[in-house]
Amino acid sequence: MRIIDEQGIRMLRFDNAPKKATNLSLNTKVLEVARELGMNVSQTVDALLAKEVERVYWEQWKERNKDAIEDYNARIRREGIWGAKYRTFARSLGDSRVADEDHGKKKAA
């Protein structure tokens, strides 16, 4: 597993990793039915474990970065998204200003 790529970006990559024999304790009834169904237990456990590792990784990432995410969202609520006033779609999204102000028009009081 590599967590940092060539550019120093954090990411999860599990492809092309070698396999390692591991001992697991599994429910005997579940294992028996899985074998009867023709399931590849190793492949199934490997795929499910990879998904769970990715889920836990991103859950922990969000927790570690919670303050920065909250600060960013507060800034966007306060200042809007740069360039939002120039776009021609979804004018009310991401910009705290009123749509009429985007075109330099003033609302009549």
PDB file of N, CA and C in Angstrom:
ATOM      1  N   MET A   1       0.854  -1.189   0.000  1.00  0.00           N
ATOM      2  CA  MET A   1       0.000   0.000   0.000  1.00  0.00           C
ATOM      3  C   MET A   1       0.885   1.231   0.000  1.00  0.00           C
ATOM      4  N   ARG A   2       0.577   2.151  -0.881  1.00  0.00           N
ATOM      5  CA  ARG A   2       1.270   3.440  -0.896  1.00  0.00           C
ATOM      6  C   ARG A   2       0.281   4.499  -0.494  1.00  0.00           C
ATOM      7  N   ILE A   3       0.683   5.378   0.425  1.00  0.00           N
ATOM      8  CA  ILE A   3      -0.198   6.464   0.837  1.00  0.00           C
ATOM      9  C   ILE A   3       0.238   7.767   0.194  1.00  0.00           C
ATOM     10  N   ILE A   4       1.495   7.889  -0.231  1.00  0.00           N
ATOM     11  CA  ILE A   4       1.963   9.121  -0.858  1.00  0.00           C
ATOM     12  C   ILE A   4       2.462   8.783  -2.261  1.00  0.00           C
ATOM     13  N   ASP A   5       1.958   9.506  -3.267  1.00  0.00           N
ATOM     14  CA  ASP A   5       2.370   9.225  -4.640  1.00  0.00           C
ATOM     15  C   ASP A   5       3.617  10.026  -5.001  1.00  0.00           C
ATOM     16  N   GLU A   6       3.991   9.976  -6.273  1.00  0.00           N
ATOM     17  CA  GLU A   6       5.218  10.615  -6.733  1.00  0.00           C
ATOM     18  C   GLU A   6       5.226  12.124  -6.513  1.00  0.00           C
ATOM     19  N   GLN A   7       4.059  12.766  -6.568  1.00  0.00           N
ATOM     20  CA  GLN A   7       3.973  14.215  -6.373  1.00  0.00           C
ATOM     21  C   GLN A   7       3.781  14.589  -4.896  1.00  0.00           C
ATOM     22  N   GLY A   8       3.810  13.607  -4.005  1.00  0.00           N
ATOM     23  CA  GLY A   8       3.637  13.883  -2.585  1.00  0.00           C
ATOM     24  C   GLY A   8       2.177  14.012  -2.177  1.00  0.00           C
ATOM     25  N   ILE A   9       1.259  13.577  -3.056  1.00  0.00           N
ATOM     26  CA  ILE A   9      -0.157  13.663  -2.747  1.00  0.00           C
ATOM     27  C   ILE A   9      -0.574  12.404  -1.996  1.00  0.00           C
ATOM     28  N   ARG A  10      -1.310  12.610  -0.905  1.00  0.00           N
ATOM     29  CA  ARG A  10      -1.763  11.465  -0.118  1.00  0.00           C
ATOM     30  C   ARG A  10      -2.883  10.750  -0.857  1.00  0.00           C
ATOM     31  N   MET A  11      -2.733   9.456  -0.992  1.00  0.00           N
ATOM     32  CA  MET A  11      -3.750   8.655  -1.653  1.00  0.00           C
ATOM     33  C   MET A  11      -3.600   7.201  -1.227  1.00  0.00           C
ATOM     34  N   LEU A  12      -4.629   6.427  -1.469  1.00  0.00           N
ATOM     35  CA  LEU A  12      -4.573   5.001  -1.166  1.00  0.00           C
ATOM     36  C   LEU A  12      -4.496   4.234  -2.483  1.00  0.00           C
ATOM     37  N   ARG A  13      -3.534   3.342  -2.570  1.00  0.00           N
ATOM     38  CA  ARG A  13      -3.409   2.501  -3.763  1.00  0.00           C
ATOM     39  C   ARG A  13      -3.117   1.087  -3.299  1.00  0.00           C
ATOM     40  N   PHE A  14      -3.971   0.169  -3.702  1.00  0.00           N
ATOM     41  CA  PHE A  14      -3.792  -1.229  -3.326  1.00  0.00           C
ATOM     42  C   PHE A  14      -3.529  -2.120  -4.528  1.00  0.00           C
ATOM     43  N   ASP A  15      -3.612  -1.555  -5.746  1.00  0.00           N
ATOM     44  CA  ASP A  15      -3.445  -2.375  -6.937  1.00  0.00           C
ATOM     45  C   ASP A  15      -2.001  -2.851  -7.074  1.00  0.00           C
ATOM     46  N   ASN A  16      -1.856  -4.014  -7.665  1.00  0.00           N
ATOM     47  CA  ASN A  16      -0.553  -4.618  -7.960  1.00  0.00           C
ATOM     48  C   ASN A  16       0.297  -4.891  -6.720  1.00  0.00           C
ATOM     49  N   ALA A  17      -0.325  -4.993  -5.548  1.00  0.00           N
ATOM     50  CA  ALA A  17       0.436  -5.321  -4.341  1.00  0.00           C
ATOM     51  C   ALA A  17       0.541  -6.849  -4.233  1.00  0.00           C
ATOM     52  N   PRO A  18       1.657  -7.330  -3.730  1.00  0.00           N
ATOM     53  CA  PRO A  18       1.785  -8.789  -3.590  1.00  0.00           C
ATOM     54  C   PRO A  18       0.838  -9.307  -2.508  1.00  0.00           C
ATOM     55  N   LYS A  19       0.489 -10.576  -2.603  1.00  0.00           N
ATOM     56  CA  LYS A  19      -0.382 -11.224  -1.615  1.00  0.00           C
ATOM     57  C   LYS A  19       0.487 -11.799  -0.498  1.00  0.00           C
ATOM     58  N   LYS A  20      -0.099 -11.887   0.684  1.00  0.00           N
ATOM     59  CA  LYS A  20       0.603 -12.465   1.832  1.00  0.00           C
ATOM     60  C   LYS A  20      -0.344 -13.422   2.531  1.00  0.00           C
ATOM     61  N   ALA A  21       0.136 -14.622   2.804  1.00  0.00           N
ATOM     62  CA  ALA A  21      -0.674 -15.609   3.515  1.00  0.00           C
ATOM     63  C   ALA A  21      -0.938 -15.103   4.934  1.00  0.00           C
ATOM     64  N   THR A  22      -2.201 -15.206   5.353  1.00  0.00           N
ATOM     65  CA  THR A  22      -2.614 -14.690   6.658  1.00  0.00           C
ATOM     66  C   THR A  22      -3.569 -15.675   7.302  1.00  0.00           C
ATOM     67  N   ASN A  23      -3.493 -15.806   8.605  1.00  0.00           N
ATOM     68  CA  ASN A  23      -4.445 -16.639   9.336  1.00  0.00           C
ATOM     69  C   ASN A  23      -5.600 -15.775   9.809  1.00  0.00           C
ATOM     70  N   LEU A  24      -6.818 -16.197   9.526  1.00  0.00           N
ATOM     71  CA  LEU A  24      -8.021 -15.496   9.965  1.00  0.00           C
ATOM     72  C   LEU A  24      -8.897 -16.448  10.742  1.00  0.00           C
ATOM     73  N   SER A  25      -9.609 -15.925  11.700  1.00  0.00           N
ATOM     74  CA  SER A  25     -10.620 -16.702  12.401  1.00  0.00           C
ATOM     75  C   SER A  25     -11.970 -16.264  11.869  1.00  0.00           C
ATOM     76  N   LEU A  26     -12.664 -17.177  11.185  1.00  0.00           N
ATOM     77  CA  LEU A  26     -13.941 -16.868  10.573  1.00  0.00           C
ATOM     78  C   LEU A  26     -15.030 -17.763  11.148  1.00  0.00           C
ATOM     79  N   ASN A  27     -16.242 -17.294  11.097  1.00  0.00           N
ATOM     80  CA  ASN A  27     -17.398 -18.058  11.529  1.00  0.00           C
ATOM     81  C   ASN A  27     -17.484 -19.311  10.659  1.00  0.00           C
ATOM     82  N   THR A  28     -17.481 -20.487  11.265  1.00  0.00           N
ATOM     83  CA  THR A  28     -17.438 -21.734  10.504  1.00  0.00           C
ATOM     84  C   THR A  28     -18.672 -21.923   9.627  1.00  0.00           C
ATOM     85  N   LYS A  29     -19.823 -21.510  10.119  1.00  0.00           N
ATOM     86  CA  LYS A  29     -21.041 -21.670   9.315  1.00  0.00           C
ATOM     87  C   LYS A  29     -21.018 -20.764   8.096  1.00  0.00           C
ATOM     88  N   VAL A  30     -20.584 -19.531   8.275  1.00  0.00           N
ATOM     89  CA  VAL A  30     -20.492 -18.598   7.149  1.00  0.00           C
ATOM     90  C   VAL A  30     -19.476 -19.110   6.138  1.00  0.00           C
ATOM     91  N   LEU A  31     -18.352 -19.578   6.620  1.00  0.00           N
ATOM     92  CA  LEU A  31     -17.307 -20.100   5.736  1.00  0.00           C
ATOM     93  C   LEU A  31     -17.810 -21.306   4.941  1.00  0.00           C
ATOM     94  N   GLU A  32     -18.538 -22.189   5.601  1.00  0.00           N
ATOM     95  CA  GLU A  32     -19.083 -23.381   4.940  1.00  0.00           C
ATOM     96  C   GLU A  32     -20.053 -22.998   3.815  1.00  0.00           C
ATOM     97  N   VAL A  33     -20.957 -22.058   4.086  1.00  0.00           N
ATOM     98  CA  VAL A  33     -21.921 -21.626   3.074  1.00  0.00           C
ATOM     99  C   VAL A  33     -21.206 -20.908   1.936  1.00  0.00           C
ATOM    100  N   ALA A  34     -20.222 -20.084   2.260  1.00  0.00           N
ATOM    101  CA  ALA A  34     -19.462 -19.378   1.231  1.00  0.00           C
ATOM    102  C   ALA A  34     -18.795 -20.378   0.290  1.00  0.00           C
ATOM    103  N   ARG A  35     -18.235 -21.422   0.833  1.00  0.00           N
ATOM    104  CA  ARG A  35     -17.584 -22.445  -0.003  1.00  0.00           C
ATOM    105  C   ARG A  35     -18.612 -23.200  -0.841  1.00  0.00           C
ATOM    106  N   GLU A  36     -19.770 -23.511  -0.244  1.00  0.00           N
ATOM    107  CA  GLU A  36     -20.839 -24.185  -0.988  1.00  0.00           C
ATOM    108  C   GLU A  36     -21.320 -23.325  -2.161  1.00  0.00           C
ATOM    109  N   LEU A  37     -21.310 -22.017  -1.967  1.00  0.00           N
ATOM    110  CA  LEU A  37     -21.726 -21.097  -3.018  1.00  0.00           C
ATOM    111  C   LEU A  37     -20.637 -20.864  -4.064  1.00  0.00           C
ATOM    112  N   GLY A  38     -19.474 -21.448  -3.833  1.00  0.00           N
ATOM    113  CA  GLY A  38     -18.375 -21.310  -4.788  1.00  0.00           C
ATOM    114  C   GLY A  38     -17.642 -19.984  -4.682  1.00  0.00           C
ATOM    115  N   MET A  39     -17.772 -19.329  -3.559  1.00  0.00           N
ATOM    116  CA  MET A  39     -17.121 -18.027  -3.379  1.00  0.00           C
ATOM    117  C   MET A  39     -15.627 -18.201  -3.137  1.00  0.00           C
ATOM    118  N   ASN A  40     -14.847 -17.267  -3.648  1.00  0.00           N
ATOM    119  CA  ASN A  40     -13.422 -17.210  -3.368  1.00  0.00           C
ATOM    120  C   ASN A  40     -13.276 -16.374  -2.099  1.00  0.00           C
ATOM    121  N   VAL A  41     -13.090 -17.043  -0.970  1.00  0.00           N
ATOM    122  CA  VAL A  41     -13.070 -16.370   0.331  1.00  0.00           C
ATOM    123  C   VAL A  41     -11.932 -15.364   0.424  1.00  0.00           C
ATOM    124  N   SER A  42     -10.758 -15.738  -0.038  1.00  0.00           N
ATOM    125  CA  SER A  42      -9.608 -14.825   0.030  1.00  0.00           C
ATOM    126  C   SER A  42      -9.876 -13.550  -0.759  1.00  0.00           C
ATOM    127  N   GLN A  43     -10.379 -13.709  -1.977  1.00  0.00           N
ATOM    128  CA  GLN A  43     -10.655 -12.555  -2.826  1.00  0.00           C
ATOM    129  C   GLN A  43     -11.755 -11.679  -2.214  1.00  0.00           C
ATOM    130  N   THR A  44     -12.785 -12.311  -1.666  1.00  0.00           N
ATOM    131  CA  THR A  44     -13.890 -11.565  -1.061  1.00  0.00           C
ATOM    132  C   THR A  44     -13.423 -10.786   0.162  1.00  0.00           C
ATOM    133  N   VAL A  45     -12.676 -11.438   1.037  1.00  0.00           N
ATOM    134  CA  VAL A  45     -12.172 -10.769   2.240  1.00  0.00           C
ATOM    135  C   VAL A  45     -11.220  -9.645   1.851  1.00  0.00           C
ATOM    136  N   ASP A  46     -10.365  -9.877   0.870  1.00  0.00           N
ATOM    137  CA  ASP A  46      -9.418  -8.867   0.411  1.00  0.00           C
ATOM    138  C   ASP A  46     -10.152  -7.626  -0.098  1.00  0.00           C
ATOM    139  N   ALA A  47     -11.174  -7.821  -0.918  1.00  0.00           N
ATOM    140  CA  ALA A  47     -11.935  -6.694  -1.476  1.00  0.00           C
ATOM    141  C   ALA A  47     -12.691  -5.940  -0.385  1.00  0.00           C
ATOM    142  N   LEU A  48     -13.334  -6.676   0.514  1.00  0.00           N
ATOM    143  CA  LEU A  48     -14.094  -6.030   1.589  1.00  0.00           C
ATOM    144  C   LEU A  48     -13.169  -5.297   2.563  1.00  0.00           C
ATOM    145  N   LEU A  49     -12.023  -5.890   2.858  1.00  0.00           N
ATOM    146  CA  LEU A  49     -11.064  -5.235   3.752  1.00  0.00           C
ATOM    147  C   LEU A  49     -10.512  -3.962   3.120  1.00  0.00           C
ATOM    148  N   ALA A  50     -10.241  -3.989   1.824  1.00  0.00           N
ATOM    149  CA  ALA A  50      -9.748  -2.791   1.133  1.00  0.00           C
ATOM    150  C   ALA A  50     -10.779  -1.669   1.214  1.00  0.00           C
ATOM    151  N   LYS A  51     -12.054  -1.987   1.017  1.00  0.00           N
ATOM    152  CA  LYS A  51     -13.109  -0.973   1.129  1.00  0.00           C
ATOM    153  C   LYS A  51     -13.192  -0.417   2.540  1.00  0.00           C
ATOM    154  N   GLU A  52     -13.077  -1.273   3.534  1.00  0.00           N
ATOM    155  CA  GLU A  52     -13.149  -0.824   4.932  1.00  0.00           C
ATOM    156  C   GLU A  52     -11.934   0.018   5.301  1.00  0.00           C
ATOM    157  N   VAL A  53     -10.762  -0.356   4.833  1.00  0.00           N
ATOM    158  CA  VAL A  53      -9.550   0.434   5.082  1.00  0.00           C
ATOM    159  C   VAL A  53      -9.717   1.821   4.469  1.00  0.00           C
ATOM    160  N   GLU A  54     -10.231   1.888   3.241  1.00  0.00           N
ATOM    161  CA  GLU A  54     -10.440   3.177   2.587  1.00  0.00           C
ATOM    162  C   GLU A  54     -11.465   4.016   3.357  1.00  0.00           C
ATOM    163  N   ARG A  55     -12.548   3.398   3.819  1.00  0.00           N
ATOM    164  CA  ARG A  55     -13.573   4.127   4.570  1.00  0.00           C
ATOM    165  C   ARG A  55     -12.999   4.700   5.864  1.00  0.00           C
ATOM    166  N   VAL A  56     -12.269   3.870   6.607  1.00  0.00           N
ATOM    167  CA  VAL A  56     -11.689   4.322   7.880  1.00  0.00           C
ATOM    168  C   VAL A  56     -10.630   5.393   7.632  1.00  0.00           C
ATOM    169  N   TYR A  57      -9.813   5.215   6.578  1.00  0.00           N
ATOM    170  CA  TYR A  57      -8.785   6.206   6.245  1.00  0.00           C
ATOM    171  C   TYR A  57      -9.426   7.570   6.035  1.00  0.00           C
ATOM    172  N   TRP A  58     -10.484   7.655   5.183  1.00  0.00           N
ATOM    173  CA  TRP A  58     -11.108   8.941   4.882  1.00  0.00           C
ATOM    174  C   TRP A  58     -11.886   9.495   6.070  1.00  0.00           C
ATOM    175  N   GLU A  59     -12.434   8.620   6.889  1.00  0.00           N
ATOM    176  CA  GLU A  59     -13.099   9.066   8.117  1.00  0.00           C
ATOM    177  C   GLU A  59     -12.084   9.764   9.030  1.00  0.00           C
ATOM    178  N   GLN A  60     -10.927   9.147   9.188  1.00  0.00           N
ATOM    179  CA  GLN A  60      -9.872   9.755  10.010  1.00  0.00           C
ATOM    180  C   GLN A  60      -9.322  11.016   9.362  1.00  0.00           C
ATOM    181  N   TRP A  61      -9.203  11.050   8.036  1.00  0.00           N
ATOM    182  CA  TRP A  61      -8.727  12.236   7.331  1.00  0.00           C
ATOM    183  C   TRP A  61      -9.673  13.402   7.588  1.00  0.00           C
ATOM    184  N   LYS A  62     -10.992  13.145   7.473  1.00  0.00           N
ATOM    185  CA  LYS A  62     -11.971  14.216   7.719  1.00  0.00           C
ATOM    186  C   LYS A  62     -11.877  14.726   9.156  1.00  0.00           C
ATOM    187  N   GLU A  63     -11.660  13.831  10.097  1.00  0.00           N
ATOM    188  CA  GLU A  63     -11.535  14.245  11.506  1.00  0.00           C
ATOM    189  C   GLU A  63     -10.271  15.087  11.704  1.00  0.00           C
ATOM    190  N   ARG A  64      -9.146  14.656  11.101  1.00  0.00           N
ATOM    191  CA  ARG A  64      -7.891  15.416  11.224  1.00  0.00           C
ATOM    192  C   ARG A  64      -7.998  16.793  10.581  1.00  0.00           C
ATOM    193  N   ASN A  65      -8.792  16.910   9.539  1.00  0.00           N
ATOM    194  CA  ASN A  65      -8.896  18.163   8.788  1.00  0.00           C
ATOM    195  C   ASN A  65     -10.180  18.930   9.069  1.00  0.00           C
ATOM    196  N   LYS A  66     -10.894  18.547  10.120  1.00  0.00           N
ATOM    197  CA  LYS A  66     -12.188  19.144  10.438  1.00  0.00           C
ATOM    198  C   LYS A  66     -12.110  20.654  10.600  1.00  0.00           C
ATOM    199  N   ASP A  67     -11.131  21.146  11.319  1.00  0.00           N
ATOM    200  CA  ASP A  67     -11.009  22.589  11.541  1.00  0.00           C
ATOM    201  C   ASP A  67     -10.774  23.343  10.233  1.00  0.00           C
ATOM    202  N   ALA A  68      -9.904  22.824   9.387  1.00  0.00           N
ATOM    203  CA  ALA A  68      -9.621  23.483   8.104  1.00  0.00           C
ATOM    204  C   ALA A  68     -10.858  23.479   7.211  1.00  0.00           C
ATOM    205  N   ILE A  69     -11.599  22.378   7.209  1.00  0.00           N
ATOM    206  CA  ILE A  69     -12.816  22.286   6.395  1.00  0.00           C
ATOM    207  C   ILE A  69     -13.854  23.281   6.895  1.00  0.00           C
ATOM    208  N   GLU A  70     -14.014  23.374   8.220  1.00  0.00           N
ATOM    209  CA  GLU A  70     -14.969  24.331   8.793  1.00  0.00           C
ATOM    210  C   GLU A  70     -14.559  25.768   8.480  1.00  0.00           C
ATOM    211  N   ASP A  71     -13.269  26.075   8.579  1.00  0.00           N
ATOM    212  CA  ASP A  71     -12.779  27.423   8.248  1.00  0.00           C
ATOM    213  C   ASP A  71     -13.032  27.754   6.782  1.00  0.00           C
ATOM    214  N   TYR A  72     -12.768  26.790   5.902  1.00  0.00           N
ATOM    215  CA  TYR A  72     -12.991  27.002   4.471  1.00  0.00           C
ATOM    216  C   TYR A  72     -14.478  27.255   4.190  1.00  0.00           C
ATOM    217  N   ASN A  73     -15.348  26.423   4.753  1.00  0.00           N
ATOM    218  CA  ASN A  73     -16.786  26.590   4.539  1.00  0.00           C
ATOM    219  C   ASN A  73     -17.282  27.927   5.076  1.00  0.00           C
ATOM    220  N   ALA A  74     -16.755  28.366   6.220  1.00  0.00           N
ATOM    221  CA  ALA A  74     -17.139  29.668   6.775  1.00  0.00           C
ATOM    222  C   ALA A  74     -16.697  30.801   5.849  1.00  0.00           C
ATOM    223  N   ARG A  75     -15.499  30.681   5.283  1.00  0.00           N
ATOM    224  CA  ARG A  75     -15.011  31.707   4.354  1.00  0.00           C
ATOM    225  C   ARG A  75     -15.878  31.766   3.099  1.00  0.00           C
ATOM    226  N   ILE A  76     -16.270  30.609   2.588  1.00  0.00           N
ATOM    227  CA  ILE A  76     -17.127  30.578   1.393  1.00  0.00           C
ATOM    228  C   ILE A  76     -18.488  31.186   1.714  1.00  0.00           C
ATOM    229  N   ARG A  77     -19.050  30.880   2.885  1.00  0.00           N
ATOM    230  CA  ARG A  77     -20.331  31.491   3.277  1.00  0.00           C
ATOM    231  C   ARG A  77     -20.188  33.004   3.394  1.00  0.00           C
ATOM    232  N   ARG A  78     -19.048  33.452   3.910  1.00  0.00           N
ATOM    233  CA  ARG A  78     -18.813  34.873   4.139  1.00  0.00           C
ATOM    234  C   ARG A  78     -18.483  35.616   2.844  1.00  0.00           C
ATOM    235  N   GLU A  79     -17.614  35.047   2.023  1.00  0.00           N
ATOM    236  CA  GLU A  79     -17.087  35.751   0.850  1.00  0.00           C
ATOM    237  C   GLU A  79     -17.624  35.227  -0.476  1.00  0.00           C
ATOM    238  N   GLY A  80     -18.205  34.042  -0.478  1.00  0.00           N
ATOM    239  CA  GLY A  80     -18.657  33.429  -1.720  1.00  0.00           C
ATOM    240  C   GLY A  80     -17.504  32.781  -2.461  1.00  0.00           C
ATOM    241  N   ILE A  81     -17.810  32.170  -3.586  1.00  0.00           N
ATOM    242  CA  ILE A  81     -16.801  31.509  -4.410  1.00  0.00           C
ATOM    243  C   ILE A  81     -16.272  32.505  -5.429  1.00  0.00           C
ATOM    244  N   TRP A  82     -14.946  32.569  -5.560  1.00  0.00           N
ATOM    245  CA  TRP A  82     -14.352  33.499  -6.510  1.00  0.00           C
ATOM    246  C   TRP A  82     -14.892  33.208  -7.897  1.00  0.00           C
ATOM    247  N   GLY A  83     -15.281  34.232  -8.607  1.00  0.00           N
ATOM    248  CA  GLY A  83     -15.746  34.107  -9.973  1.00  0.00           C
ATOM    249  C   GLY A  83     -17.205  33.722 -10.105  1.00  0.00           C
ATOM    250  N   ALA A  84     -17.912  33.521  -8.995  1.00  0.00           N
ATOM    251  CA  ALA A  84     -19.313  33.106  -9.065  1.00  0.00           C
ATOM    252  C   ALA A  84     -20.174  34.153  -9.753  1.00  0.00           C
ATOM    253  N   LYS A  85     -19.802  35.415  -9.613  1.00  0.00           N
ATOM    254  CA  LYS A  85     -20.622  36.466 -10.226  1.00  0.00           C
ATOM    255  C   LYS A  85     -20.515  36.468 -11.747  1.00  0.00           C
ATOM    256  N   TYR A  86     -19.529  35.803 -12.307  1.00  0.00           N
ATOM    257  CA  TYR A  86     -19.342  35.778 -13.753  1.00  0.00           C
ATOM    258  C   TYR A  86     -19.977  34.561 -14.429  1.00  0.00           C
ATOM    259  N   ARG A  87     -20.338  33.572 -13.665  1.00  0.00           N
ATOM    260  CA  ARG A  87     -20.872  32.372 -14.299  1.00  0.00           C
ATOM    261  C   ARG A  87     -22.321  32.566 -14.726  1.00  0.00           C
ATOM    262  N   THR A  88     -22.732  31.769 -15.681  1.00  0.00           N
ATOM    263  CA  THR A  88     -24.077  31.920 -16.243  1.00  0.00           C
ATOM    264  C   THR A  88     -25.034  30.845 -15.743  1.00  0.00           C
ATOM    265  N   PHE A  89     -24.601  29.974 -14.837  1.00  0.00           N
ATOM    266  CA  PHE A  89     -25.446  28.921 -14.284  1.00  0.00           C
ATOM    267  C   PHE A  89     -25.390  28.984 -12.764  1.00  0.00           C
ATOM    268  N   ALA A  90     -26.446  28.547 -12.109  1.00  0.00           N
ATOM    269  CA  ALA A  90     -26.509  28.413 -10.652  1.00  0.00           C
ATOM    270  C   ALA A  90     -25.983  29.652  -9.937  1.00  0.00           C
ATOM    271  N   ARG A  91     -26.477  30.792 -10.303  1.00  0.00           N
ATOM    272  CA  ARG A  91     -25.976  32.047  -9.725  1.00  0.00           C
ATOM    273  C   ARG A  91     -26.135  32.119  -8.207  1.00  0.00           C
ATOM    274  N   SER A  92     -27.169  31.520  -7.676  1.00  0.00           N
ATOM    275  CA  SER A  92     -27.385  31.639  -6.233  1.00  0.00           C
ATOM    276  C   SER A  92     -26.526  30.666  -5.437  1.00  0.00           C
ATOM    277  N   LEU A  93     -25.835  29.755  -6.098  1.00  0.00           N
ATOM    278  CA  LEU A  93     -25.033  28.767  -5.389  1.00  0.00           C
ATOM    279  C   LEU A  93     -23.609  29.262  -5.188  1.00  0.00           C
ATOM    280  N   GLY A  94     -23.133  29.181  -3.957  1.00  0.00           N
ATOM    281  CA  GLY A  94     -21.740  29.491  -3.684  1.00  0.00           C
ATOM    282  C   GLY A  94     -21.386  30.955  -3.649  1.00  0.00           C
ATOM    283  N   ASP A  95     -22.355  31.833  -3.702  1.00  0.00           N
ATOM    284  CA  ASP A  95     -22.069  33.252  -3.666  1.00  0.00           C
ATOM    285  C   ASP A  95     -23.040  33.897  -2.695  1.00  0.00           C
ATOM    286  N   SER A  96     -22.522  34.571  -1.702  1.00  0.00           N
ATOM    287  CA  SER A  96     -23.371  35.157  -0.667  1.00  0.00           C
ATOM    288  C   SER A  96     -24.094  36.408  -1.148  1.00  0.00           C
ATOM    289  N   ARG A  97     -23.748  36.908  -2.341  1.00  0.00           N
ATOM    290  CA  ARG A  97     -24.381  38.111  -2.861  1.00  0.00           C
ATOM    291  C   ARG A  97     -25.693  37.772  -3.555  1.00  0.00           C
ATOM    292  N   VAL A  98     -26.550  38.752  -3.668  1.00  0.00           N
ATOM    293  CA  VAL A  98     -27.833  38.587  -4.336  1.00  0.00           C
ATOM    294  C   VAL A  98     -27.595  38.539  -5.844  1.00  0.00           C
ATOM    295  N   ALA A  99     -28.388  37.748  -6.558  1.00  0.00           N
ATOM    296  CA  ALA A  99     -28.190  37.548  -7.997  1.00  0.00           C
ATOM    297  C   ALA A  99     -28.216  38.859  -8.765  1.00  0.00           C
ATOM    298  N   ASP A 100     -29.095  39.810  -8.412  1.00  0.00           N
ATOM    299  CA  ASP A 100     -29.160  41.085  -9.124  1.00  0.00           C
ATOM    300  C   ASP A 100     -27.855  41.866  -8.992  1.00  0.00           C
ATOM    301  N   GLU A 101     -27.191  41.731  -7.866  1.00  0.00           N
ATOM    302  CA  GLU A 101     -25.928  42.439  -7.664  1.00  0.00           C
ATOM    303  C   GLU A 101     -24.838  41.871  -8.558  1.00  0.00           C
ATOM    304  N   ASP A 102     -24.999  40.626  -8.981  1.00  0.00           N
ATOM    305  CA  ASP A 102     -24.014  40.003  -9.860  1.00  0.00           C
ATOM    306  C   ASP A 102     -23.913  40.740 -11.187  1.00  0.00           C
ATOM    307  N   HIS A 103     -24.994  41.379 -11.605  1.00  0.00           N
ATOM    308  CA  HIS A 103     -25.014  42.095 -12.872  1.00  0.00           C
ATOM    309  C   HIS A 103     -24.908  43.591 -12.679  1.00  0.00           C
ATOM    310  N   GLY A 104     -24.569  44.015 -11.458  1.00  0.00           N
ATOM    311  CA  GLY A 104     -24.409  45.438 -11.197  1.00  0.00           C
ATOM    312  C   GLY A 104     -25.728  46.173 -11.028  1.00  0.00           C
ATOM    313  N   LYS A 105     -26.811  45.450 -10.881  1.00  0.00           N
ATOM    314  CA  LYS A 105     -28.113  46.101 -10.708  1.00  0.00           C
ATOM    315  C   LYS A 105     -28.396  46.263  -9.222  1.00  0.00           C
ATOM    316  N   LYS A 106     -29.065  47.320  -8.850  1.00  0.00           N
ATOM    317  CA  LYS A 106     -29.445  47.556  -7.455  1.00  0.00           C
ATOM    318  C   LYS A 106     -30.922  47.263  -7.309  1.00  0.00           C
ATOM    319  N   LYS A 107     -31.284  46.624  -6.198  1.00  0.00           N
ATOM    320  CA  LYS A 107     -32.699  46.374  -5.928  1.00  0.00           C
ATOM    321  C   LYS A 107     -33.360  47.661  -5.496  1.00  0.00           C
ATOM    322  N   ALA A 108     -34.567  47.875  -5.939  1.00  0.00           N
ATOM    323  CA  ALA A 108     -35.332  49.054  -5.527  1.00  0.00           C
ATOM    324  C   ALA A 108     -35.775  48.875  -4.084  1.00  0.00           C
ATOM    325  N   ALA A 109     -35.571  49.922  -3.272  1.00  0.00           N
ATOM    326  CA  ALA A 109     -35.940  49.813  -1.860  1.00  0.00           C
ATOM    327  C   ALA A 109     -37.390  50.173  -1.647  1.00  0.00           C
TER     328      ALA A 109
END
